[in-house]
Amino acid sequence: MADITYQVVPHDNGWAYKLGDTLSETYATADEAIVHARDAASRQKIGDGDALLAYPAPDGRGWAFQELETDKSNSRL
């Protein structure tokens, strides 16, 4: 089961990824926001869990979800 969920949402005439109440910078397309959300999730340290990416479903009905692997190492930046 995932511990956190990144959402890709409309923001400032573009798209952003969102974690909790925090929004990323604005990207021109949802696909670009998804790429950056994947990158952020890959660097997220959340123990043994993974993250979910939620984005508007291609058919326009609700959300689509994708599991994202996260950094499970004990490294620090």
C-alpha atoms as a PDB file:
ATOM      1  CA  MET A   1       0.000   0.000   0.000  1.00  0.00           C
ATOM      2  CA  ALA A   2       1.288   3.447  -0.839  1.00  0.00           C
ATOM      3  CA  ASP A   3       2.124   5.908   1.907  1.00  0.00           C
ATOM      4  CA  ILE A   4       1.842   9.133  -0.102  1.00  0.00           C
ATOM      5  CA  THR A   5       0.084  10.302  -3.246  1.00  0.00           C
ATOM      6  CA  TYR A   6       1.294  12.893  -5.718  1.00  0.00           C
ATOM      7  CA  GLN A   7      -1.541  14.495  -7.696  1.00  0.00           C
ATOM      8  CA  VAL A   8      -1.215  16.235 -11.063  1.00  0.00           C
ATOM      9  CA  VAL A   9      -3.636  19.162 -11.078  1.00  0.00           C
ATOM     10  CA  PRO A  10      -4.399  22.265 -13.176  1.00  0.00           C
ATOM     11  CA  HIS A  11      -2.454  25.273 -11.824  1.00  0.00           C
ATOM     12  CA  ASP A  12      -1.775  28.830 -13.085  1.00  0.00           C
ATOM     13  CA  ASN A  13      -2.780  28.172 -16.724  1.00  0.00           C
ATOM     14  CA  GLY A  14      -0.776  24.944 -16.765  1.00  0.00           C
ATOM     15  CA  TRP A  15      -0.224  21.853 -14.643  1.00  0.00           C
ATOM     16  CA  ALA A  16       1.556  21.125 -11.364  1.00  0.00           C
ATOM     17  CA  TYR A  17       2.077  18.142  -9.133  1.00  0.00           C
ATOM     18  CA  LYS A  18       0.777  18.377  -5.607  1.00  0.00           C
ATOM     19  CA  LEU A  19       1.739  16.602  -2.406  1.00  0.00           C
ATOM     20  CA  GLY A  20      -0.593  17.422   0.450  1.00  0.00           C
ATOM     21  CA  ASP A  21      -1.175  21.178   0.243  1.00  0.00           C
ATOM     22  CA  THR A  22       2.126  21.894  -1.525  1.00  0.00           C
ATOM     23  CA  LEU A  23       2.195  22.593  -5.265  1.00  0.00           C
ATOM     24  CA  SER A  24       5.184  22.368  -7.562  1.00  0.00           C
ATOM     25  CA  GLU A  25       6.052  24.976 -10.119  1.00  0.00           C
ATOM     26  CA  THR A  26       3.750  25.190 -13.138  1.00  0.00           C
ATOM     27  CA  TYR A  27       4.452  23.058 -16.218  1.00  0.00           C
ATOM     28  CA  ALA A  28       2.995  23.541 -19.689  1.00  0.00           C
ATOM     29  CA  THR A  29       1.438  20.067 -19.938  1.00  0.00           C
ATOM     30  CA  ALA A  30       0.129  17.376 -17.615  1.00  0.00           C
ATOM     31  CA  ASP A  31       2.676  14.974 -19.120  1.00  0.00           C
ATOM     32  CA  GLU A  32       5.520  17.296 -18.152  1.00  0.00           C
ATOM     33  CA  ALA A  33       4.149  17.571 -14.598  1.00  0.00           C
ATOM     34  CA  ILE A  34       3.951  13.755 -14.427  1.00  0.00           C
ATOM     35  CA  VAL A  35       7.633  13.457 -15.420  1.00  0.00           C
ATOM     36  CA  HIS A  36       8.627  15.884 -12.658  1.00  0.00           C
ATOM     37  CA  ALA A  37       6.364  14.179 -10.101  1.00  0.00           C
ATOM     38  CA  ARG A  38       8.021  10.846 -10.912  1.00  0.00           C
ATOM     39  CA  ASP A  39      11.429  12.436 -10.409  1.00  0.00           C
ATOM     40  CA  ALA A  40      10.382  13.947  -7.068  1.00  0.00           C
ATOM     41  CA  ALA A  41       8.917  10.628  -5.903  1.00  0.00           C
ATOM     42  CA  SER A  42      12.072   8.756  -6.864  1.00  0.00           C
ATOM     43  CA  ARG A  43      13.995  10.958  -4.432  1.00  0.00           C
ATOM     44  CA  GLN A  44      11.361  10.868  -1.669  1.00  0.00           C
ATOM     45  CA  LYS A  45      12.481   8.942   1.392  1.00  0.00           C
ATOM     46  CA  ILE A  46       9.514   7.217   3.006  1.00  0.00           C
ATOM     47  CA  GLY A  47      10.941   4.065   4.537  1.00  0.00           C
ATOM     48  CA  ASP A  48       9.704   0.844   2.974  1.00  0.00           C
ATOM     49  CA  GLY A  49       6.696   2.395   1.223  1.00  0.00           C
ATOM     50  CA  ASP A  50       6.149   3.614  -2.274  1.00  0.00           C
ATOM     51  CA  ALA A  51       4.223   6.566  -3.637  1.00  0.00           C
ATOM     52  CA  LEU A  52       1.194   6.875  -5.891  1.00  0.00           C
ATOM     53  CA  LEU A  53       0.852   9.298  -8.768  1.00  0.00           C
ATOM     54  CA  ALA A  54      -2.729  10.444  -9.360  1.00  0.00           C
ATOM     55  CA  TYR A  55      -3.543  12.273 -12.578  1.00  0.00           C
ATOM     56  CA  PRO A  56      -6.717  13.089 -14.507  1.00  0.00           C
ATOM     57  CA  ALA A  57      -7.885   9.955 -16.320  1.00  0.00           C
ATOM     58  CA  PRO A  58      -7.469  10.139 -20.102  1.00  0.00           C
ATOM     59  CA  ASP A  59     -11.221   9.616 -20.564  1.00  0.00           C
ATOM     60  CA  GLY A  60     -11.921  12.647 -18.355  1.00  0.00           C
ATOM     61  CA  ARG A  61     -13.674  10.568 -15.709  1.00  0.00           C
ATOM     62  CA  GLY A  62     -11.992  10.757 -12.339  1.00  0.00           C
ATOM     63  CA  TRP A  63      -8.403   9.845 -11.609  1.00  0.00           C
ATOM     64  CA  ALA A  64      -5.884   7.341 -12.913  1.00  0.00           C
ATOM     65  CA  PHE A  65      -3.247   6.017 -10.508  1.00  0.00           C
ATOM     66  CA  GLN A  66       0.270   4.728 -10.989  1.00  0.00           C
ATOM     67  CA  GLU A  67       2.639   3.359  -8.360  1.00  0.00           C
ATOM     68  CA  LEU A  68       6.013   5.092  -8.128  1.00  0.00           C
ATOM     69  CA  GLU A  69       9.110   3.591  -6.576  1.00  0.00           C
ATOM     70  CA  THR A  70      10.848   5.747  -3.977  1.00  0.00           C
ATOM     71  CA  ASP A  71      14.339   5.921  -2.520  1.00  0.00           C
ATOM     72  CA  LYS A  72      14.421   3.487   0.395  1.00  0.00           C
ATOM     73  CA  SER A  73      18.084   4.025   1.250  1.00  0.00           C
ATOM     74  CA  ASN A  74      19.284   5.682   4.388  1.00  0.00           C
ATOM     75  CA  SER A  75      21.250   8.298   2.444  1.00  0.00           C
ATOM     76  CA  ARG A  76      20.924  11.983   3.266  1.00  0.00           C
ATOM     77  CA  LEU A  77      21.284  15.063   1.117  1.00  0.00           C
END
